[in-house]
PDB file of all heavy atoms in Angstrom:
ATOM      1  N   VAL A   1      -9.356  14.606  18.235  1.00  0.00           N
ATOM      2  CA  VAL A   1      -9.155  13.156  18.370  1.00  0.00           C
ATOM      3  C   VAL A   1      -9.535  12.448  17.075  1.00  0.00           C
ATOM      4  O   VAL A   1      -8.826  11.553  16.608  1.00  0.00           O
ATOM      5  CB  VAL A   1      -9.967  12.604  19.565  1.00  0.00           C
ATOM      6  CG1 VAL A   1      -9.961  11.073  19.567  1.00  0.00           C
ATOM      7  CG2 VAL A   1      -9.404  13.124  20.879  1.00  0.00           C
ATOM      8  N   ASP A   2     -10.671  12.855  16.486  1.00  0.00           N
ATOM      9  CA  ASP A   2     -11.095  12.257  15.208  1.00  0.00           C
ATOM     10  C   ASP A   2     -10.014  12.420  14.141  1.00  0.00           C
ATOM     11  O   ASP A   2      -9.653  11.461  13.436  1.00  0.00           O
ATOM     12  CB  ASP A   2     -12.390  12.917  14.713  1.00  0.00           C
ATOM     13  CG  ASP A   2     -13.578  12.537  15.579  1.00  0.00           C
ATOM     14  OD1 ASP A   2     -13.458  11.564  16.334  1.00  0.00           O
ATOM     15  OD2 ASP A   2     -14.614  13.227  15.498  1.00  0.00           O
ATOM     16  N   GLU A   3      -9.506  13.639  14.016  1.00  0.00           N
ATOM     17  CA  GLU A   3      -8.485  13.908  12.995  1.00  0.00           C
ATOM     18  C   GLU A   3      -7.179  13.175  13.302  1.00  0.00           C
ATOM     19  O   GLU A   3      -6.520  12.649  12.394  1.00  0.00           O
ATOM     20  CB  GLU A   3      -8.229  15.417  12.910  1.00  0.00           C
ATOM     21  CG  GLU A   3      -9.431  16.204  12.393  1.00  0.00           C
ATOM     22  CD  GLU A   3      -9.244  17.709  12.508  1.00  0.00           C
ATOM     23  OE1 GLU A   3      -8.135  18.119  12.950  1.00  0.00           O
ATOM     24  OE2 GLU A   3     -10.172  18.463  12.172  1.00  0.00           O
ATOM     25  N   ALA A   4      -6.808  13.120  14.582  1.00  0.00           N
ATOM     26  CA  ALA A   4      -5.563  12.443  14.963  1.00  0.00           C
ATOM     27  C   ALA A   4      -5.649  10.945  14.706  1.00  0.00           C
ATOM     28  O   ALA A   4      -4.675  10.324  14.262  1.00  0.00           O
ATOM     29  CB  ALA A   4      -5.253  12.713  16.438  1.00  0.00           C
ATOM     30  N   VAL A   5      -6.825  10.355  14.981  1.00  0.00           N
ATOM     31  CA  VAL A   5      -7.012   8.919  14.734  1.00  0.00           C
ATOM     32  C   VAL A   5      -6.916   8.622  13.241  1.00  0.00           C
ATOM     33  O   VAL A   5      -6.278   7.642  12.826  1.00  0.00           O
ATOM     34  CB  VAL A   5      -8.363   8.444  15.309  1.00  0.00           C
ATOM     35  CG1 VAL A   5      -8.716   7.055  14.796  1.00  0.00           C
ATOM     36  CG2 VAL A   5      -8.324   8.447  16.831  1.00  0.00           C
ATOM     37  N   ALA A   6      -7.541   9.478  12.430  1.00  0.00           N
ATOM     38  CA  ALA A   6      -7.471   9.294  10.972  1.00  0.00           C
ATOM     39  C   ALA A   6      -6.025   9.432  10.477  1.00  0.00           C
ATOM     40  O   ALA A   6      -5.560   8.643   9.650  1.00  0.00           O
ATOM     41  CB  ALA A   6      -8.364  10.308  10.275  1.00  0.00           C
ATOM     42  N   SER A   7      -5.303  10.420  11.002  1.00  0.00           N
ATOM     43  CA  SER A   7      -3.898  10.615  10.610  1.00  0.00           C
ATOM     44  C   SER A   7      -3.038   9.441  11.061  1.00  0.00           C
ATOM     45  O   SER A   7      -2.131   9.012  10.341  1.00  0.00           O
ATOM     46  CB  SER A   7      -3.356  11.915  11.215  1.00  0.00           C
ATOM     47  OG  SER A   7      -4.107  13.025  10.779  1.00  0.00           O
ATOM     48  N   LEU A   8      -3.330   8.923  12.267  1.00  0.00           N
ATOM     49  CA  LEU A   8      -2.559   7.792  12.791  1.00  0.00           C
ATOM     50  C   LEU A   8      -2.715   6.569  11.898  1.00  0.00           C
ATOM     51  O   LEU A   8      -1.741   5.866  11.604  1.00  0.00           O
ATOM     52  CB  LEU A   8      -3.002   7.476  14.217  1.00  0.00           C
ATOM     53  CG  LEU A   8      -2.301   6.295  14.903  1.00  0.00           C
ATOM     54  CD1 LEU A   8      -0.812   6.583  15.068  1.00  0.00           C
ATOM     55  CD2 LEU A   8      -2.942   5.994  16.250  1.00  0.00           C
ATOM     56  N   SER A   9      -3.948   6.315  11.463  1.00  0.00           N
ATOM     57  CA  SER A   9      -4.194   5.165  10.586  1.00  0.00           C
ATOM     58  C   SER A   9      -3.421   5.305   9.275  1.00  0.00           C
ATOM     59  O   SER A   9      -2.822   4.341   8.780  1.00  0.00           O
ATOM     60  CB  SER A   9      -5.695   5.036  10.307  1.00  0.00           C
ATOM     61  OG  SER A   9      -6.420   4.868  11.505  1.00  0.00           O
ATOM     62  N   GLN A  10      -3.427   6.524   8.707  1.00  0.00           N
ATOM     63  CA  GLN A  10      -2.697   6.760   7.450  1.00  0.00           C
ATOM     64  C   GLN A  10      -1.182   6.672   7.655  1.00  0.00           C
ATOM     65  O   GLN A  10      -0.455   6.232   6.769  1.00  0.00           O
ATOM     66  CB  GLN A  10      -3.058   8.138   6.893  1.00  0.00           C
ATOM     67  CG  GLN A  10      -4.522   8.247   6.465  1.00  0.00           C
ATOM     68  CD  GLN A  10      -4.901   9.660   6.057  1.00  0.00           C
ATOM     69  OE1 GLN A  10      -4.086  10.566   6.112  1.00  0.00           O
ATOM     70  NE2 GLN A  10      -6.152   9.848   5.660  1.00  0.00           N
ATOM     71  N   LEU A  11      -0.703   7.066   8.851  1.00  0.00           N
ATOM     72  CA  LEU A  11       0.725   7.040   9.135  1.00  0.00           C
ATOM     73  C   LEU A  11       1.218   5.621   9.407  1.00  0.00           C
ATOM     74  O   LEU A  11       2.296   5.224   8.950  1.00  0.00           O
ATOM     75  CB  LEU A  11       1.025   7.938  10.345  1.00  0.00           C
ATOM     76  CG  LEU A  11       2.473   7.955  10.858  1.00  0.00           C
ATOM     77  CD1 LEU A  11       3.380   8.588   9.813  1.00  0.00           C
ATOM     78  CD2 LEU A  11       2.556   8.713  12.176  1.00  0.00           C
ATOM     79  N   LEU A  12       0.413   4.849  10.144  1.00  0.00           N
ATOM     80  CA  LEU A  12       0.855   3.517  10.557  1.00  0.00           C
ATOM     81  C   LEU A  12       0.864   2.518   9.412  1.00  0.00           C
ATOM     82  O   LEU A  12       1.690   1.599   9.395  1.00  0.00           O
ATOM     83  CB  LEU A  12      -0.038   2.999  11.688  1.00  0.00           C
ATOM     84  CG  LEU A  12       0.174   3.629  13.059  1.00  0.00           C
ATOM     85  CD1 LEU A  12      -0.832   3.079  14.050  1.00  0.00           C
ATOM     86  CD2 LEU A  12       1.585   3.361  13.568  1.00  0.00           C
ATOM     87  N   GLU A  13      -0.064   2.671   8.465  1.00  0.00           N
ATOM     88  CA  GLU A  13      -0.174   1.676   7.400  1.00  0.00           C
ATOM     89  C   GLU A  13       1.125   1.515   6.607  1.00  0.00           C
ATOM     90  O   GLU A  13       1.623   0.384   6.455  1.00  0.00           O
ATOM     91  CB  GLU A  13      -1.336   2.030   6.477  1.00  0.00           C
ATOM     92  CG  GLU A  13      -1.704   0.900   5.541  1.00  0.00           C
ATOM     93  CD  GLU A  13      -3.081   1.070   4.940  1.00  0.00           C
ATOM     94  OE1 GLU A  13      -3.878   1.880   5.445  1.00  0.00           O
ATOM     95  OE2 GLU A  13      -3.346   0.384   3.950  1.00  0.00           O
ATOM     96  N   PRO A  14       1.733   2.599   6.094  1.00  0.00           N
ATOM     97  CA  PRO A  14       3.013   2.401   5.380  1.00  0.00           C
ATOM     98  C   PRO A  14       4.136   1.912   6.274  1.00  0.00           C
ATOM     99  O   PRO A  14       4.987   1.129   5.843  1.00  0.00           O
ATOM    100  CB  PRO A  14       3.317   3.796   4.814  1.00  0.00           C
ATOM    101  CG  PRO A  14       2.507   4.741   5.618  1.00  0.00           C
ATOM    102  CD  PRO A  14       1.289   4.003   6.036  1.00  0.00           C
ATOM    103  N   ILE A  15       4.141   2.358   7.556  1.00  0.00           N
ATOM    104  CA  ILE A  15       5.191   1.903   8.473  1.00  0.00           C
ATOM    105  C   ILE A  15       5.080   0.401   8.697  1.00  0.00           C
ATOM    106  O   ILE A  15       6.089  -0.329   8.697  1.00  0.00           O
ATOM    107  CB  ILE A  15       5.092   2.662   9.821  1.00  0.00           C
ATOM    108  CG1 ILE A  15       5.431   4.138   9.621  1.00  0.00           C
ATOM    109  CG2 ILE A  15       6.010   2.040  10.859  1.00  0.00           C
ATOM    110  CD1 ILE A  15       5.261   4.984  10.860  1.00  0.00           C
ATOM    111  N   ILE A  16       3.851  -0.077   8.872  1.00  0.00           N
ATOM    112  CA  ILE A  16       3.638  -1.517   9.078  1.00  0.00           C
ATOM    113  C   ILE A  16       4.036  -2.299   7.832  1.00  0.00           C
ATOM    114  O   ILE A  16       4.654  -3.364   7.924  1.00  0.00           O
ATOM    115  CB  ILE A  16       2.164  -1.782   9.453  1.00  0.00           C
ATOM    116  CG1 ILE A  16       1.877  -1.233  10.853  1.00  0.00           C
ATOM    117  CG2 ILE A  16       1.841  -3.274   9.404  1.00  0.00           C
ATOM    118  CD1 ILE A  16       0.409  -1.238  11.230  1.00  0.00           C
ATOM    119  N   MET A  17       3.675  -1.774   6.657  1.00  0.00           N
ATOM    120  CA  MET A  17       4.045  -2.456   5.409  1.00  0.00           C
ATOM    121  C   MET A  17       5.563  -2.546   5.260  1.00  0.00           C
ATOM    122  O   MET A  17       6.098  -3.580   4.851  1.00  0.00           O
ATOM    123  CB  MET A  17       3.448  -1.711   4.218  1.00  0.00           C
ATOM    124  CG  MET A  17       1.928  -1.762   4.113  1.00  0.00           C
ATOM    125  SD  MET A  17       1.287  -3.450   3.995  1.00  0.00           S
ATOM    126  CE  MET A  17       0.605  -3.670   5.648  1.00  0.00           C
ATOM    127  N   VAL A  18       6.265  -1.457   5.602  1.00  0.00           N
ATOM    128  CA  VAL A  18       7.734  -1.458   5.527  1.00  0.00           C
ATOM    129  C   VAL A  18       8.307  -2.474   6.514  1.00  0.00           C
ATOM    130  O   VAL A  18       9.230  -3.241   6.194  1.00  0.00           O
ATOM    131  CB  VAL A  18       8.295  -0.051   5.803  1.00  0.00           C
ATOM    132  CG1 VAL A  18       9.809  -0.095   5.972  1.00  0.00           C
ATOM    133  CG2 VAL A  18       7.917   0.899   4.675  1.00  0.00           C
ATOM    134  N   PHE A  19       7.752  -2.499   7.724  1.00  0.00           N
ATOM    135  CA  PHE A  19       8.222  -3.441   8.749  1.00  0.00           C
ATOM    136  C   PHE A  19       8.062  -4.885   8.284  1.00  0.00           C
ATOM    137  O   PHE A  19       9.002  -5.696   8.369  1.00  0.00           O
ATOM    138  CB  PHE A  19       7.437  -3.204  10.043  1.00  0.00           C
ATOM    139  CG  PHE A  19       7.634  -4.280  11.084  1.00  0.00           C
ATOM    140  CD1 PHE A  19       8.794  -4.326  11.841  1.00  0.00           C
ATOM    141  CD2 PHE A  19       6.658  -5.247  11.301  1.00  0.00           C
ATOM    142  CE1 PHE A  19       8.982  -5.321  12.799  1.00  0.00           C
ATOM    143  CE2 PHE A  19       6.834  -6.237  12.246  1.00  0.00           C
ATOM    144  CZ  PHE A  19       7.999  -6.274  12.994  1.00  0.00           C
ATOM    145  N   LEU A  20       6.856  -5.205   7.780  1.00  0.00           N
ATOM    146  CA  LEU A  20       6.605  -6.564   7.299  1.00  0.00           C
ATOM    147  C   LEU A  20       7.510  -6.901   6.112  1.00  0.00           C
ATOM    148  O   LEU A  20       8.038  -8.015   6.011  1.00  0.00           O
ATOM    149  CB  LEU A  20       5.133  -6.721   6.901  1.00  0.00           C
ATOM    150  CG  LEU A  20       4.106  -6.611   8.035  1.00  0.00           C
ATOM    151  CD1 LEU A  20       2.699  -6.723   7.476  1.00  0.00           C
ATOM    152  CD2 LEU A  20       4.347  -7.671   9.080  1.00  0.00           C
ATOM    153  N   GLY A  21       7.685  -5.926   5.207  1.00  0.00           N
ATOM    154  CA  GLY A  21       8.530  -6.173   4.043  1.00  0.00           C
ATOM    155  C   GLY A  21       9.973  -6.431   4.421  1.00  0.00           C
ATOM    156  O   GLY A  21      10.621  -7.348   3.886  1.00  0.00           O
ATOM    157  N   VAL A  22      10.491  -5.642   5.368  1.00  0.00           N
ATOM    158  CA  VAL A  22      11.894  -5.791   5.768  1.00  0.00           C
ATOM    159  C   VAL A  22      12.107  -7.111   6.512  1.00  0.00           C
ATOM    160  O   VAL A  22      13.051  -7.859   6.223  1.00  0.00           O
ATOM    161  CB  VAL A  22      12.329  -4.597   6.640  1.00  0.00           C
ATOM    162  CG1 VAL A  22      13.700  -4.861   7.277  1.00  0.00           C
ATOM    163  CG2 VAL A  22      12.365  -3.323   5.815  1.00  0.00           C
ATOM    164  N   VAL A  23      11.226  -7.413   7.470  1.00  0.00           N
ATOM    165  CA  VAL A  23      11.424  -8.611   8.305  1.00  0.00           C
ATOM    166  C   VAL A  23      11.169  -9.889   7.511  1.00  0.00           C
ATOM    167  O   VAL A  23      12.044 -10.746   7.361  1.00  0.00           O
ATOM    168  CB  VAL A  23      10.526  -8.545   9.552  1.00  0.00           C
ATOM    169  CG1 VAL A  23      10.659  -9.846  10.355  1.00  0.00           C
ATOM    170  CG2 VAL A  23      10.913  -7.363  10.421  1.00  0.00           C
ATOM    171  N   ILE A  24       9.934 -10.029   7.011  1.00  0.00           N
ATOM    172  CA  ILE A  24       9.581 -11.267   6.309  1.00  0.00           C
ATOM    173  C   ILE A  24      10.324 -11.349   4.973  1.00  0.00           C
ATOM    174  O   ILE A  24      10.851 -12.411   4.596  1.00  0.00           O
ATOM    175  CB  ILE A  24       8.062 -11.348   6.101  1.00  0.00           C
ATOM    176  CG1 ILE A  24       7.357 -11.379   7.472  1.00  0.00           C
ATOM    177  CG2 ILE A  24       7.691 -12.592   5.288  1.00  0.00           C
ATOM    178  CD1 ILE A  24       5.855 -11.405   7.409  1.00  0.00           C
ATOM    179  N   GLY A  25      10.391 -10.233   4.252  1.00  0.00           N
ATOM    180  CA  GLY A  25      11.144 -10.225   2.996  1.00  0.00           C
ATOM    181  C   GLY A  25      12.615 -10.532   3.217  1.00  0.00           C
ATOM    182  O   GLY A  25      13.241 -11.245   2.423  1.00  0.00           O
ATOM    183  N   GLY A  26      13.184 -10.012   4.322  1.00  0.00           N
ATOM    184  CA  GLY A  26      14.581 -10.287   4.639  1.00  0.00           C
ATOM    185  C   GLY A  26      14.837 -11.767   4.882  1.00  0.00           C
ATOM    186  O   GLY A  26      15.868 -12.321   4.456  1.00  0.00           O
ATOM    187  N   ILE A  27      13.909 -12.413   5.576  1.00  0.00           N
ATOM    188  CA  ILE A  27      14.037 -13.853   5.837  1.00  0.00           C
ATOM    189  C   ILE A  27      14.000 -14.645   4.525  1.00  0.00           C
ATOM    190  O   ILE A  27      14.810 -15.551   4.295  1.00  0.00           O
ATOM    191  CB  ILE A  27      12.925 -14.328   6.788  1.00  0.00           C
ATOM    192  CG1 ILE A  27      13.116 -13.708   8.184  1.00  0.00           C
ATOM    193  CG2 ILE A  27      12.911 -15.850   6.891  1.00  0.00           C
ATOM    194  CD1 ILE A  27      11.981 -13.990   9.142  1.00  0.00           C
ATOM    195  N   VAL A  28      13.048 -14.289   3.656  1.00  0.00           N
ATOM    196  CA  VAL A  28      12.918 -14.996   2.375  1.00  0.00           C
ATOM    197  C   VAL A  28      14.175 -14.819   1.524  1.00  0.00           C
ATOM    198  O   VAL A  28      14.711 -15.784   0.955  1.00  0.00           O
ATOM    199  CB  VAL A  28      11.666 -14.502   1.620  1.00  0.00           C
ATOM    200  CG1 VAL A  28      11.627 -15.095   0.215  1.00  0.00           C
ATOM    201  CG2 VAL A  28      10.396 -14.859   2.378  1.00  0.00           C
ATOM    202  N   VAL A  29      14.687 -13.585   1.434  1.00  0.00           N
ATOM    203  CA  VAL A  29      15.895 -13.312   0.642  1.00  0.00           C
ATOM    204  C   VAL A  29      17.088 -14.074   1.210  1.00  0.00           C
ATOM    205  O   VAL A  29      17.909 -14.651   0.466  1.00  0.00           O
ATOM    206  CB  VAL A  29      16.184 -11.797   0.592  1.00  0.00           C
ATOM    207  CG1 VAL A  29      17.562 -11.531  -0.006  1.00  0.00           C
ATOM    208  CG2 VAL A  29      15.112 -11.080  -0.200  1.00  0.00           C
ATOM    209  N   ALA A  30      17.205 -14.096   2.557  1.00  0.00           N
ATOM    210  CA  ALA A  30      18.317 -14.808   3.191  1.00  0.00           C
ATOM    211  C   ALA A  30      18.287 -16.296   2.847  1.00  0.00           C
ATOM    212  O   ALA A  30      19.344 -16.926   2.667  1.00  0.00           O
ATOM    213  CB  ALA A  30      18.261 -14.612   4.709  1.00  0.00           C
ATOM    214  N   MET A  31      17.087 -16.862   2.738  1.00  0.00           N
ATOM    215  CA  MET A  31      16.972 -18.277   2.402  1.00  0.00           C
ATOM    216  C   MET A  31      17.319 -18.562   0.937  1.00  0.00           C
ATOM    217  O   MET A  31      17.737 -19.671   0.594  1.00  0.00           O
ATOM    218  CB  MET A  31      15.549 -18.755   2.709  1.00  0.00           C
ATOM    219  CG  MET A  31      15.218 -18.870   4.196  1.00  0.00           C
ATOM    220  SD  MET A  31      16.305 -20.043   5.073  1.00  0.00           S
ATOM    221  CE  MET A  31      17.516 -18.923   5.791  1.00  0.00           C
ATOM    222  N   TYR A  32      17.124 -17.599   0.090  1.00  0.00           N
ATOM    223  CA  TYR A  32      17.395 -17.818  -1.338  1.00  0.00           C
ATOM    224  C   TYR A  32      18.802 -17.407  -1.763  1.00  0.00           C
ATOM    225  O   TYR A  32      19.218 -17.688  -2.883  1.00  0.00           O
ATOM    226  CB  TYR A  32      16.359 -17.079  -2.192  1.00  0.00           C
ATOM    227  CG  TYR A  32      15.077 -17.856  -2.349  1.00  0.00           C
ATOM    228  CD1 TYR A  32      14.002 -17.650  -1.485  1.00  0.00           C
ATOM    229  CD2 TYR A  32      14.941 -18.817  -3.352  1.00  0.00           C
ATOM    230  CE1 TYR A  32      12.832 -18.371  -1.605  1.00  0.00           C
ATOM    231  CE2 TYR A  32      13.770 -19.545  -3.487  1.00  0.00           C
ATOM    232  CZ  TYR A  32      12.720 -19.319  -2.613  1.00  0.00           C
ATOM    233  OH  TYR A  32      11.570 -20.046  -2.749  1.00  0.00           O
ATOM    234  N   LEU A  33      19.545 -16.751  -0.874  1.00  0.00           N
ATOM    235  CA  LEU A  33      20.910 -16.346  -1.218  1.00  0.00           C
ATOM    236  C   LEU A  33      21.805 -17.530  -1.598  1.00  0.00           C
ATOM    237  O   LEU A  33      22.558 -17.457  -2.594  1.00  0.00           O
ATOM    238  CB  LEU A  33      21.535 -15.563  -0.047  1.00  0.00           C
ATOM    239  CG  LEU A  33      21.155 -14.079   0.056  1.00  0.00           C
ATOM    240  CD1 LEU A  33      21.775 -13.454   1.309  1.00  0.00           C
ATOM    241  CD2 LEU A  33      21.607 -13.320  -1.192  1.00  0.00           C
ATOM    242  N   PRO A  34      21.800 -18.648  -0.828  1.00  0.00           N
ATOM    243  CA  PRO A  34      22.633 -19.792  -1.233  1.00  0.00           C
ATOM    244  C   PRO A  34      22.249 -20.350  -2.604  1.00  0.00           C
ATOM    245  O   PRO A  34      23.115 -20.804  -3.360  1.00  0.00           O
ATOM    246  CB  PRO A  34      22.374 -20.828  -0.127  1.00  0.00           C
ATOM    247  CG  PRO A  34      21.904 -20.031   1.036  1.00  0.00           C
ATOM    248  CD  PRO A  34      21.134 -18.902   0.451  1.00  0.00           C
ATOM    249  N   ILE A  35      20.958 -20.331  -2.922  1.00  0.00           N
ATOM    250  CA  ILE A  35      20.506 -20.831  -4.223  1.00  0.00           C
ATOM    251  C   ILE A  35      21.048 -19.942  -5.340  1.00  0.00           C
ATOM    252  O   ILE A  35      21.522 -20.428  -6.370  1.00  0.00           O
ATOM    253  CB  ILE A  35      18.975 -20.902  -4.265  1.00  0.00           C
ATOM    254  CG1 ILE A  35      18.462 -21.866  -3.179  1.00  0.00           C
ATOM    255  CG2 ILE A  35      18.472 -21.333  -5.636  1.00  0.00           C
ATOM    256  CD1 ILE A  35      16.968 -21.909  -3.037  1.00  0.00           C
ATOM    257  N   PHE A  36      20.996 -18.615  -5.128  1.00  0.00           N
ATOM    258  CA  PHE A  36      21.558 -17.688  -6.117  1.00  0.00           C
ATOM    259  C   PHE A  36      23.065 -17.911  -6.270  1.00  0.00           C
ATOM    260  O   PHE A  36      23.620 -17.870  -7.384  1.00  0.00           O
ATOM    261  CB  PHE A  36      21.288 -16.239  -5.711  1.00  0.00           C
ATOM    262  CG  PHE A  36      19.838 -15.883  -5.654  1.00  0.00           C
ATOM    263  CD1 PHE A  36      19.382 -14.908  -4.766  1.00  0.00           C
ATOM    264  CD2 PHE A  36      18.922 -16.508  -6.481  1.00  0.00           C
ATOM    265  CE1 PHE A  36      18.041 -14.580  -4.713  1.00  0.00           C
ATOM    266  CE2 PHE A  36      17.580 -16.178  -6.435  1.00  0.00           C
ATOM    267  CZ  PHE A  36      17.135 -15.210  -5.552  1.00  0.00           C
ATOM    268  N   LYS A  37      23.754 -18.172  -5.133  1.00  0.00           N
ATOM    269  CA  LYS A  37      25.198 -18.376  -5.154  1.00  0.00           C
ATOM    270  C   LYS A  37      25.553 -19.633  -5.944  1.00  0.00           C
ATOM    271  O   LYS A  37      26.514 -19.643  -6.732  1.00  0.00           O
ATOM    272  CB  LYS A  37      25.711 -18.475  -3.713  1.00  0.00           C
ATOM    273  CG  LYS A  37      27.220 -18.557  -3.595  1.00  0.00           C
ATOM    274  CD  LYS A  37      27.624 -18.572  -2.127  1.00  0.00           C
ATOM    275  CE  LYS A  37      29.137 -18.656  -1.993  1.00  0.00           C
ATOM    276  NZ  LYS A  37      29.562 -18.697  -0.570  1.00  0.00           N
TER     277      LYS A  37
END
């Protein structure tokens, strides 16, 4: 359990970062697309 919890924390951190980057970053990029155009 100790090892699995440690592995879970290491596994979830990059997944969460990717999720936040895609969702929030996607919203920001979508808002700036008309300005770039």
